[in-house]
PDB file of N, CA and C in Angstrom:
ATOM      1  N   ASP A   1      42.520 -22.153   0.222  1.00  0.00           N
ATOM      2  CA  ASP A   1      41.950 -21.089  -0.564  1.00  0.00           C
ATOM      3  C   ASP A   1      40.624 -20.656   0.080  1.00  0.00           C
ATOM      4  N   GLU A   2      40.419 -19.355   0.251  1.00  0.00           N
ATOM      5  CA  GLU A   2      39.239 -18.824   0.922  1.00  0.00           C
ATOM      6  C   GLU A   2      37.967 -19.007   0.097  1.00  0.00           C
ATOM      7  N   LEU A   3      38.063 -19.162  -1.208  1.00  0.00           N
ATOM      8  CA  LEU A   3      36.897 -19.290  -2.054  1.00  0.00           C
ATOM      9  C   LEU A   3      36.184 -20.624  -1.883  1.00  0.00           C
ATOM     10  N   ASP A   4      36.859 -21.598  -1.319  1.00  0.00           N
ATOM     11  CA  ASP A   4      36.243 -22.899  -1.117  1.00  0.00           C
ATOM     12  C   ASP A   4      35.386 -22.945   0.132  1.00  0.00           C
ATOM     13  N   GLU A   5      35.507 -21.941   1.011  1.00  0.00           N
ATOM     14  CA  GLU A   5      34.732 -21.932   2.243  1.00  0.00           C
ATOM     15  C   GLU A   5      33.337 -21.351   1.978  1.00  0.00           C
ATOM     16  N   PRO A   6      32.334 -21.781   2.746  1.00  0.00           N
ATOM     17  CA  PRO A   6      30.988 -21.241   2.516  1.00  0.00           C
ATOM     18  C   PRO A   6      30.926 -19.744   2.812  1.00  0.00           C
ATOM     19  N   LEU A   7      30.140 -19.072   2.047  1.00  0.00           N
ATOM     20  CA  LEU A   7      29.948 -17.633   2.262  1.00  0.00           C
ATOM     21  C   LEU A   7      28.982 -17.421   3.417  1.00  0.00           C
ATOM     22  N   PRO A   8      29.162 -16.372   4.214  1.00  0.00           N
ATOM     23  CA  PRO A   8      28.220 -16.113   5.311  1.00  0.00           C
ATOM     24  C   PRO A   8      26.843 -15.761   4.741  1.00  0.00           C
ATOM     25  N   LEU A   9      25.827 -16.202   5.438  1.00  0.00           N
ATOM     26  CA  LEU A   9      24.454 -15.912   5.014  1.00  0.00           C
ATOM     27  C   LEU A   9      24.095 -14.476   5.344  1.00  0.00           C
ATOM     28  N   VAL A  10      23.352 -13.872   4.472  1.00  0.00           N
ATOM     29  CA  VAL A  10      22.880 -12.505   4.684  1.00  0.00           C
ATOM     30  C   VAL A  10      21.386 -12.590   4.933  1.00  0.00           C
ATOM     31  N   GLN A  11      20.957 -11.996   6.015  1.00  0.00           N
ATOM     32  CA  GLN A  11      19.534 -12.022   6.343  1.00  0.00           C
ATOM     33  C   GLN A  11      18.787 -11.023   5.465  1.00  0.00           C
ATOM     34  N   VAL A  12      17.720 -11.478   4.853  1.00  0.00           N
ATOM     35  CA  VAL A  12      16.885 -10.625   4.015  1.00  0.00           C
ATOM     36  C   VAL A  12      15.649 -10.258   4.823  1.00  0.00           C
ATOM     37  N   THR A  13      15.362  -8.983   4.862  1.00  0.00           N
ATOM     38  CA  THR A  13      14.185  -8.538   5.612  1.00  0.00           C
ATOM     39  C   THR A  13      13.174  -7.927   4.654  1.00  0.00           C
ATOM     40  N   ALA A  14      11.933  -7.959   5.055  1.00  0.00           N
ATOM     41  CA  ALA A  14      10.869  -7.371   4.240  1.00  0.00           C
ATOM     42  C   ALA A  14      11.004  -5.860   4.244  1.00  0.00           C
ATOM     43  N   GLU A  15      10.604  -5.260   3.139  1.00  0.00           N
ATOM     44  CA  GLU A  15      10.653  -3.801   3.030  1.00  0.00           C
ATOM     45  C   GLU A  15       9.692  -3.176   4.037  1.00  0.00           C
ATOM     46  N   GLN A  16      10.159  -2.167   4.734  1.00  0.00           N
ATOM     47  CA  GLN A  16       9.330  -1.459   5.698  1.00  0.00           C
ATOM     48  C   GLN A  16       8.809  -0.183   5.043  1.00  0.00           C
ATOM     49  N   HIS A  17       7.539   0.080   5.213  1.00  0.00           N
ATOM     50  CA  HIS A  17       6.959   1.311   4.678  1.00  0.00           C
ATOM     51  C   HIS A  17       7.168   2.442   5.672  1.00  0.00           C
ATOM     52  N   LEU A  18       7.155   3.646   5.159  1.00  0.00           N
ATOM     53  CA  LEU A  18       7.403   4.808   6.004  1.00  0.00           C
ATOM     54  C   LEU A  18       6.264   5.059   6.980  1.00  0.00           C
ATOM     55  N   GLU A  19       5.046   4.719   6.594  1.00  0.00           N
ATOM     56  CA  GLU A  19       3.905   4.938   7.482  1.00  0.00           C
ATOM     57  C   GLU A  19       3.532   3.633   8.163  1.00  0.00           C
ATOM     58  N   PRO A  20       3.197   3.687   9.431  1.00  0.00           N
ATOM     59  CA  PRO A  20       2.772   2.459  10.098  1.00  0.00           C
ATOM     60  C   PRO A  20       1.479   1.933   9.491  1.00  0.00           C
ATOM     61  N   ALA A  21       1.354   0.616   9.457  1.00  0.00           N
ATOM     62  CA  ALA A  21       0.181  -0.005   8.853  1.00  0.00           C
ATOM     63  C   ALA A  21      -1.090   0.323   9.634  1.00  0.00           C
ATOM     64  N   CYS A  22      -0.996   0.369  10.933  1.00  0.00           N
ATOM     65  CA  CYS A  22      -2.173   0.626  11.772  1.00  0.00           C
ATOM     66  C   CYS A  22      -1.984   1.938  12.521  1.00  0.00           C
ATOM     67  N   ARG A  23      -2.315   3.006  11.858  1.00  0.00           N
ATOM     68  CA  ARG A  23      -2.251   4.320  12.497  1.00  0.00           C
ATOM     69  C   ARG A  23      -3.459   4.510  13.375  1.00  0.00           C
ATOM     70  N   PRO A  24      -3.271   5.061  14.573  1.00  0.00           N
ATOM     71  CA  PRO A  24      -4.459   5.359  15.371  1.00  0.00           C
ATOM     72  C   PRO A  24      -5.253   6.466  14.680  1.00  0.00           C
ATOM     73  N   LYS A  25      -6.566   6.348  14.726  1.00  0.00           N
ATOM     74  CA  LYS A  25      -7.432   7.346  14.095  1.00  0.00           C
ATOM     75  C   LYS A  25      -7.349   8.639  14.902  1.00  0.00           C
ATOM     76  N   PRO A  26      -6.997   9.762  14.237  1.00  0.00           N
ATOM     77  CA  PRO A  26      -6.915  11.014  14.980  1.00  0.00           C
ATOM     78  C   PRO A  26      -8.295  11.445  15.465  1.00  0.00           C
ATOM     79  N   LYS A  27      -8.290  12.206  16.552  1.00  0.00           N
ATOM     80  CA  LYS A  27      -9.571  12.714  17.055  1.00  0.00           C
ATOM     81  C   LYS A  27     -10.131  13.709  16.065  1.00  0.00           C
ATOM     82  N   PRO A  28     -11.431  13.893  16.029  1.00  0.00           N
ATOM     83  CA  PRO A  28     -12.028  14.827  15.075  1.00  0.00           C
ATOM     84  C   PRO A  28     -11.424  16.216  15.222  1.00  0.00           C
ATOM     85  N   ALA A  29     -11.122  16.826  14.101  1.00  0.00           N
ATOM     86  CA  ALA A  29     -10.487  18.137  14.112  1.00  0.00           C
ATOM     87  C   ALA A  29     -11.513  19.215  14.443  1.00  0.00           C
ATOM     88  N   GLU A  30     -11.037  20.234  15.080  1.00  0.00           N
ATOM     89  CA  GLU A  30     -11.862  21.389  15.420  1.00  0.00           C
ATOM     90  C   GLU A  30     -11.335  22.587  14.640  1.00  0.00           C
ATOM     91  N   PRO A  31     -12.179  23.563  14.355  1.00  0.00           N
ATOM     92  CA  PRO A  31     -11.720  24.732  13.614  1.00  0.00           C
ATOM     93  C   PRO A  31     -10.549  25.446  14.288  1.00  0.00           C
ATOM     94  N   ALA A  32     -10.451  25.361  15.588  1.00  0.00           N
ATOM     95  CA  ALA A  32      -9.387  26.055  16.314  1.00  0.00           C
ATOM     96  C   ALA A  32      -8.005  25.530  15.942  1.00  0.00           C
ATOM     97  N   THR A  33      -7.918  24.348  15.301  1.00  0.00           N
ATOM     98  CA  THR A  33      -6.610  23.821  14.939  1.00  0.00           C
ATOM     99  C   THR A  33      -6.013  24.559  13.740  1.00  0.00           C
ATOM    100  N   LEU A  34      -6.810  25.334  13.042  1.00  0.00           N
ATOM    101  CA  LEU A  34      -6.323  26.086  11.895  1.00  0.00           C
ATOM    102  C   LEU A  34      -5.818  27.458  12.327  1.00  0.00           C
ATOM    103  N   THR A  35      -4.812  27.947  11.601  1.00  0.00           N
ATOM    104  CA  THR A  35      -4.355  29.316  11.842  1.00  0.00           C
ATOM    105  C   THR A  35      -5.409  30.269  11.277  1.00  0.00           C
ATOM    106  N   ALA A  36      -5.282  31.528  11.603  1.00  0.00           N
ATOM    107  CA  ALA A  36      -6.225  32.530  11.090  1.00  0.00           C
ATOM    108  C   ALA A  36      -6.192  32.553   9.562  1.00  0.00           C
ATOM    109  N   ARG A  37      -5.001  32.482   8.970  1.00  0.00           N
ATOM    110  CA  ARG A  37      -4.872  32.512   7.513  1.00  0.00           C
ATOM    111  C   ARG A  37      -5.484  31.260   6.896  1.00  0.00           C
ATOM    112  N   GLU A  38      -5.245  30.093   7.513  1.00  0.00           N
ATOM    113  CA  GLU A  38      -5.832  28.851   7.014  1.00  0.00           C
ATOM    114  C   GLU A  38      -7.358  28.911   7.083  1.00  0.00           C
ATOM    115  N   SER A  39      -7.889  29.523   8.124  1.00  0.00           N
ATOM    116  CA  SER A  39      -9.338  29.685   8.240  1.00  0.00           C
ATOM    117  C   SER A  39      -9.880  30.561   7.115  1.00  0.00           C
ATOM    118  N   GLU A  40      -9.142  31.633   6.770  1.00  0.00           N
ATOM    119  CA  GLU A  40      -9.535  32.483   5.647  1.00  0.00           C
ATOM    120  C   GLU A  40      -9.543  31.681   4.348  1.00  0.00           C
ATOM    121  N   VAL A  41      -8.477  30.899   4.156  1.00  0.00           N
ATOM    122  CA  VAL A  41      -8.346  30.119   2.926  1.00  0.00           C
ATOM    123  C   VAL A  41      -9.464  29.085   2.817  1.00  0.00           C
ATOM    124  N   VAL A  42      -9.749  28.368   3.908  1.00  0.00           N
ATOM    125  CA  VAL A  42     -10.790  27.338   3.842  1.00  0.00           C
ATOM    126  C   VAL A  42     -12.159  27.974   3.596  1.00  0.00           C
ATOM    127  N   SER A  43     -12.371  29.163   4.111  1.00  0.00           N
ATOM    128  CA  SER A  43     -13.621  29.875   3.858  1.00  0.00           C
ATOM    129  C   SER A  43     -13.759  30.228   2.380  1.00  0.00           C
ATOM    130  N   LEU A  44     -12.657  30.652   1.773  1.00  0.00           N
ATOM    131  CA  LEU A  44     -12.674  30.992   0.344  1.00  0.00           C
ATOM    132  C   LEU A  44     -12.810  29.739  -0.525  1.00  0.00           C
ATOM    133  N   ILE A  45     -12.250  28.623  -0.069  1.00  0.00           N
ATOM    134  CA  ILE A  45     -12.456  27.347  -0.762  1.00  0.00           C
ATOM    135  C   ILE A  45     -13.943  27.021  -0.752  1.00  0.00           C
ATOM    136  N   ALA A  46     -14.581  27.222   0.411  1.00  0.00           N
ATOM    137  CA  ALA A  46     -16.013  26.946   0.547  1.00  0.00           C
ATOM    138  C   ALA A  46     -16.842  27.851  -0.375  1.00  0.00           C
ATOM    139  N   ASP A  47     -16.314  29.024  -0.684  1.00  0.00           N
ATOM    140  CA  ASP A  47     -16.989  29.933  -1.616  1.00  0.00           C
ATOM    141  C   ASP A  47     -16.784  29.515  -3.073  1.00  0.00           C
ATOM    142  N   GLY A  48     -16.010  28.435  -3.281  1.00  0.00           N
ATOM    143  CA  GLY A  48     -15.783  27.919  -4.628  1.00  0.00           C
ATOM    144  C   GLY A  48     -14.648  28.571  -5.376  1.00  0.00           C
ATOM    145  N   LYS A  49     -13.800  29.311  -4.674  1.00  0.00           N
ATOM    146  CA  LYS A  49     -12.718  30.024  -5.348  1.00  0.00           C
ATOM    147  C   LYS A  49     -11.530  29.100  -5.621  1.00  0.00           C
ATOM    148  N   SER A  50     -10.851  29.359  -6.723  1.00  0.00           N
ATOM    149  CA  SER A  50      -9.646  28.611  -7.105  1.00  0.00           C
ATOM    150  C   SER A  50      -8.452  29.128  -6.305  1.00  0.00           C
ATOM    151  N   ASN A  51      -7.355  28.380  -6.366  1.00  0.00           N
ATOM    152  CA  ASN A  51      -6.138  28.835  -5.693  1.00  0.00           C
ATOM    153  C   ASN A  51      -5.697  30.189  -6.228  1.00  0.00           C
ATOM    154  N   ALA A  52      -5.795  30.386  -7.542  1.00  0.00           N
ATOM    155  CA  ALA A  52      -5.395  31.663  -8.141  1.00  0.00           C
ATOM    156  C   ALA A  52      -6.271  32.801  -7.629  1.00  0.00           C
ATOM    157  N   ALA A  53      -7.581  32.566  -7.530  1.00  0.00           N
ATOM    158  CA  ALA A  53      -8.490  33.607  -7.040  1.00  0.00           C
ATOM    159  C   ALA A  53      -8.233  33.910  -5.563  1.00  0.00           C
ATOM    160  N   ILE A  54      -7.960  32.861  -4.789  1.00  0.00           N
ATOM    161  CA  ILE A  54      -7.653  33.052  -3.362  1.00  0.00           C
ATOM    162  C   ILE A  54      -6.361  33.847  -3.219  1.00  0.00           C
ATOM    163  N   ALA A  55      -5.358  33.493  -4.026  1.00  0.00           N
ATOM    164  CA  ALA A  55      -4.070  34.202  -3.986  1.00  0.00           C
ATOM    165  C   ALA A  55      -4.263  35.684  -4.285  1.00  0.00           C
ATOM    166  N   ALA A  56      -5.058  35.994  -5.302  1.00  0.00           N
ATOM    167  CA  ALA A  56      -5.295  37.396  -5.670  1.00  0.00           C
ATOM    168  C   ALA A  56      -6.035  38.135  -4.558  1.00  0.00           C
ATOM    169  N   GLU A  57      -7.047  37.483  -3.979  1.00  0.00           N
ATOM    170  CA  GLU A  57      -7.845  38.138  -2.936  1.00  0.00           C
ATOM    171  C   GLU A  57      -7.045  38.402  -1.668  1.00  0.00           C
ATOM    172  N   LEU A  58      -6.159  37.457  -1.304  1.00  0.00           N
ATOM    173  CA  LEU A  58      -5.394  37.595  -0.060  1.00  0.00           C
ATOM    174  C   LEU A  58      -3.997  38.182  -0.283  1.00  0.00           C
ATOM    175  N   ASP A  59      -3.702  38.563  -1.531  1.00  0.00           N
ATOM    176  CA  ASP A  59      -2.394  39.119  -1.889  1.00  0.00           C
ATOM    177  C   ASP A  59      -1.262  38.164  -1.502  1.00  0.00           C
ATOM    178  N   LEU A  60      -1.423  36.891  -1.901  1.00  0.00           N
ATOM    179  CA  LEU A  60      -0.429  35.850  -1.658  1.00  0.00           C
ATOM    180  C   LEU A  60      -0.011  35.248  -2.996  1.00  0.00           C
ATOM    181  N   SER A  61       1.088  34.511  -3.000  1.00  0.00           N
ATOM    182  CA  SER A  61       1.439  33.766  -4.204  1.00  0.00           C
ATOM    183  C   SER A  61       0.563  32.523  -4.276  1.00  0.00           C
ATOM    184  N   GLU A  62       0.388  32.010  -5.476  1.00  0.00           N
ATOM    185  CA  GLU A  62      -0.407  30.797  -5.636  1.00  0.00           C
ATOM    186  C   GLU A  62       0.266  29.620  -4.905  1.00  0.00           C
ATOM    187  N   HIS A  63       1.594  29.614  -4.890  1.00  0.00           N
ATOM    188  CA  HIS A  63       2.328  28.566  -4.169  1.00  0.00           C
ATOM    189  C   HIS A  63       1.986  28.592  -2.674  1.00  0.00           C
ATOM    190  N   THR A  64       1.919  29.775  -2.102  1.00  0.00           N
ATOM    191  CA  THR A  64       1.581  29.899  -0.677  1.00  0.00           C
ATOM    192  C   THR A  64       0.173  29.389  -0.418  1.00  0.00           C
ATOM    193  N   VAL A  65      -0.749  29.701  -1.311  1.00  0.00           N
ATOM    194  CA  VAL A  65      -2.120  29.206  -1.156  1.00  0.00           C
ATOM    195  C   VAL A  65      -2.135  27.685  -1.233  1.00  0.00           C
ATOM    196  N   LYS A  66      -1.392  27.112  -2.176  1.00  0.00           N
ATOM    197  CA  LYS A  66      -1.322  25.649  -2.290  1.00  0.00           C
ATOM    198  C   LYS A  66      -0.800  25.037  -0.999  1.00  0.00           C
ATOM    199  N   ARG A  67       0.190  25.684  -0.387  1.00  0.00           N
ATOM    200  CA  ARG A  67       0.754  25.184   0.868  1.00  0.00           C
ATOM    201  C   ARG A  67      -0.291  25.264   1.975  1.00  0.00           C
ATOM    202  N   HIS A  68      -1.040  26.372   2.029  1.00  0.00           N
ATOM    203  CA  HIS A  68      -2.108  26.497   3.028  1.00  0.00           C
ATOM    204  C   HIS A  68      -3.161  25.403   2.834  1.00  0.00           C
ATOM    205  N   VAL A  69      -3.549  25.166   1.589  1.00  0.00           N
ATOM    206  CA  VAL A  69      -4.553  24.130   1.306  1.00  0.00           C
ATOM    207  C   VAL A  69      -4.027  22.766   1.758  1.00  0.00           C
ATOM    208  N   ALA A  70      -2.781  22.468   1.447  1.00  0.00           N
ATOM    209  CA  ALA A  70      -2.192  21.192   1.863  1.00  0.00           C
ATOM    210  C   ALA A  70      -2.176  21.064   3.384  1.00  0.00           C
ATOM    211  N   ASN A  71      -1.826  22.146   4.069  1.00  0.00           N
ATOM    212  CA  ASN A  71      -1.806  22.128   5.540  1.00  0.00           C
ATOM    213  C   ASN A  71      -3.209  21.931   6.109  1.00  0.00           C
ATOM    214  N   ILE A  72      -4.192  22.572   5.501  1.00  0.00           N
ATOM    215  CA  ILE A  72      -5.577  22.433   5.951  1.00  0.00           C
ATOM    216  C   ILE A  72      -6.024  20.976   5.831  1.00  0.00           C
ATOM    217  N   LEU A  73      -5.783  20.388   4.671  1.00  0.00           N
ATOM    218  CA  LEU A  73      -6.195  19.001   4.449  1.00  0.00           C
ATOM    219  C   LEU A  73      -5.484  18.061   5.414  1.00  0.00           C
ATOM    220  N   LEU A  74      -4.212  18.323   5.673  1.00  0.00           N
ATOM    221  CA  LEU A  74      -3.444  17.489   6.602  1.00  0.00           C
ATOM    222  C   LEU A  74      -3.948  17.654   8.030  1.00  0.00           C
ATOM    223  N   LYS A  75      -4.095  18.880   8.477  1.00  0.00           N
ATOM    224  CA  LYS A  75      -4.526  19.136   9.855  1.00  0.00           C
ATOM    225  C   LYS A  75      -5.922  18.581  10.140  1.00  0.00           C
ATOM    226  N   LEU A  76      -6.804  18.700   9.173  1.00  0.00           N
ATOM    227  CA  LEU A  76      -8.185  18.273   9.379  1.00  0.00           C
ATOM    228  C   LEU A  76      -8.422  16.834   8.925  1.00  0.00           C
ATOM    229  N   ASP A  77      -7.382  16.196   8.412  1.00  0.00           N
ATOM    230  CA  ASP A  77      -7.459  14.816   7.923  1.00  0.00           C
ATOM    231  C   ASP A  77      -8.586  14.677   6.901  1.00  0.00           C
ATOM    232  N   LEU A  78      -8.531  15.568   5.901  1.00  0.00           N
ATOM    233  CA  LEU A  78      -9.557  15.587   4.858  1.00  0.00           C
ATOM    234  C   LEU A  78      -8.943  15.163   3.531  1.00  0.00           C
ATOM    235  N   PRO A  79      -9.741  14.515   2.661  1.00  0.00           N
ATOM    236  CA  PRO A  79      -9.189  13.994   1.412  1.00  0.00           C
ATOM    237  C   PRO A  79      -9.176  14.981   0.247  1.00  0.00           C
ATOM    238  N   SER A  80      -9.959  16.067   0.335  1.00  0.00           N
ATOM    239  CA  SER A  80     -10.092  16.930  -0.840  1.00  0.00           C
ATOM    240  C   SER A  80     -10.542  18.341  -0.457  1.00  0.00           C
ATOM    241  N   ARG A  81     -10.464  19.240  -1.458  1.00  0.00           N
ATOM    242  CA  ARG A  81     -10.967  20.608  -1.283  1.00  0.00           C
ATOM    243  C   ARG A  81     -12.458  20.588  -0.999  1.00  0.00           C
ATOM    244  N   ALA A  82     -13.177  19.687  -1.665  1.00  0.00           N
ATOM    245  CA  ALA A  82     -14.626  19.596  -1.439  1.00  0.00           C
ATOM    246  C   ALA A  82     -14.922  19.245   0.014  1.00  0.00           C
ATOM    247  N   ALA A  83     -14.135  18.342   0.581  1.00  0.00           N
ATOM    248  CA  ALA A  83     -14.320  17.980   1.986  1.00  0.00           C
ATOM    249  C   ALA A  83     -13.986  19.171   2.882  1.00  0.00           C
ATOM    250  N   ALA A  84     -12.984  19.954   2.497  1.00  0.00           N
ATOM    251  CA  ALA A  84     -12.640  21.155   3.269  1.00  0.00           C
ATOM    252  C   ALA A  84     -13.780  22.169   3.209  1.00  0.00           C
ATOM    253  N   ALA A  85     -14.410  22.300   2.033  1.00  0.00           N
ATOM    254  CA  ALA A  85     -15.550  23.211   1.889  1.00  0.00           C
ATOM    255  C   ALA A  85     -16.702  22.749   2.777  1.00  0.00           C
ATOM    256  N   ALA A  86     -16.955  21.445   2.805  1.00  0.00           N
ATOM    257  CA  ALA A  86     -18.023  20.904   3.654  1.00  0.00           C
ATOM    258  C   ALA A  86     -17.702  21.134   5.122  1.00  0.00           C
ATOM    259  N   PHE A  87     -16.445  20.942   5.496  1.00  0.00           N
ATOM    260  CA  PHE A  87     -16.009  21.194   6.867  1.00  0.00           C
ATOM    261  C   PHE A  87     -16.286  22.648   7.244  1.00  0.00           C
ATOM    262  N   SER A  88     -15.931  23.559   6.340  1.00  0.00           N
ATOM    263  CA  SER A  88     -16.131  24.984   6.573  1.00  0.00           C
ATOM    264  C   SER A  88     -17.612  25.302   6.772  1.00  0.00           C
ATOM    265  N   ALA A  89     -18.443  24.701   5.943  1.00  0.00           N
ATOM    266  CA  ALA A  89     -19.892  24.937   6.036  1.00  0.00           C
ATOM    267  C   ALA A  89     -20.449  24.410   7.357  1.00  0.00           C
ATOM    268  N   ARG A  90     -19.969  23.240   7.800  1.00  0.00           N
ATOM    269  CA  ARG A  90     -20.445  22.662   9.068  1.00  0.00           C
ATOM    270  C   ARG A  90     -20.008  23.467  10.273  1.00  0.00           C
ATOM    271  N   HIS A  91     -18.833  24.118  10.176  1.00  0.00           N
ATOM    272  CA  HIS A  91     -18.284  24.818  11.338  1.00  0.00           C
ATOM    273  C   HIS A  91     -18.448  26.326  11.255  1.00  0.00           C
ATOM    274  N   ALA A  92     -19.251  26.795  10.307  1.00  0.00           N
ATOM    275  CA  ALA A  92     -19.472  28.237  10.170  1.00  0.00           C
ATOM    276  C   ALA A  92     -20.369  28.722  11.291  1.00  0.00           C
ATOM    277  N   GLY A  93     -20.047  29.876  11.824  1.00  0.00           N
ATOM    278  CA  GLY A  93     -20.890  30.495  12.850  1.00  0.00           C
ATOM    279  C   GLY A  93     -22.086  31.154  12.204  1.00  0.00           C
ATOM    280  N   PRO A  94     -22.925  31.823  12.996  1.00  0.00           N
ATOM    281  CA  PRO A  94     -24.115  32.473  12.448  1.00  0.00           C
ATOM    282  C   PRO A  94     -23.776  33.591  11.450  1.00  0.00           C
ATOM    283  N   ASP A  95     -22.604  34.213  11.612  1.00  0.00           N
ATOM    284  CA  ASP A  95     -22.194  35.292  10.713  1.00  0.00           C
ATOM    285  C   ASP A  95     -21.156  34.830   9.694  1.00  0.00           C
ATOM    286  N   GLY A  96     -21.030  33.514   9.475  1.00  0.00           N
ATOM    287  CA  GLY A  96     -20.048  32.986   8.522  1.00  0.00           C
ATOM    288  C   GLY A  96     -18.932  32.297   9.278  1.00  0.00           C
ATOM    289  N   PRO A  97     -17.952  31.743   8.506  1.00  0.00           N
ATOM    290  CA  PRO A  97     -16.868  30.989   9.137  1.00  0.00           C
ATOM    291  C   PRO A  97     -15.968  31.831   9.992  1.00  0.00           C
TER     292      PRO A  97
END
């Protein structure tokens, strides 16, 4: 009878996370990494405008603005809108961003 024989062992492995534990630190981002539209959006964030206000000013949907904000934060490796505003202020030229 096959039930009397030992069952084969199954190897159990630890769960792997999608992101590597030790990511290399990206090099500091430069304003040139943003598209022209993303630069407009980050400038308006620095002016304290909400996504809805930015959408109205640039004639975009609020969803599109949210996507631009997410891309900006990802590209510049920033944690928040406030950090994006600070980035914009640091990288503004003499006549504005």
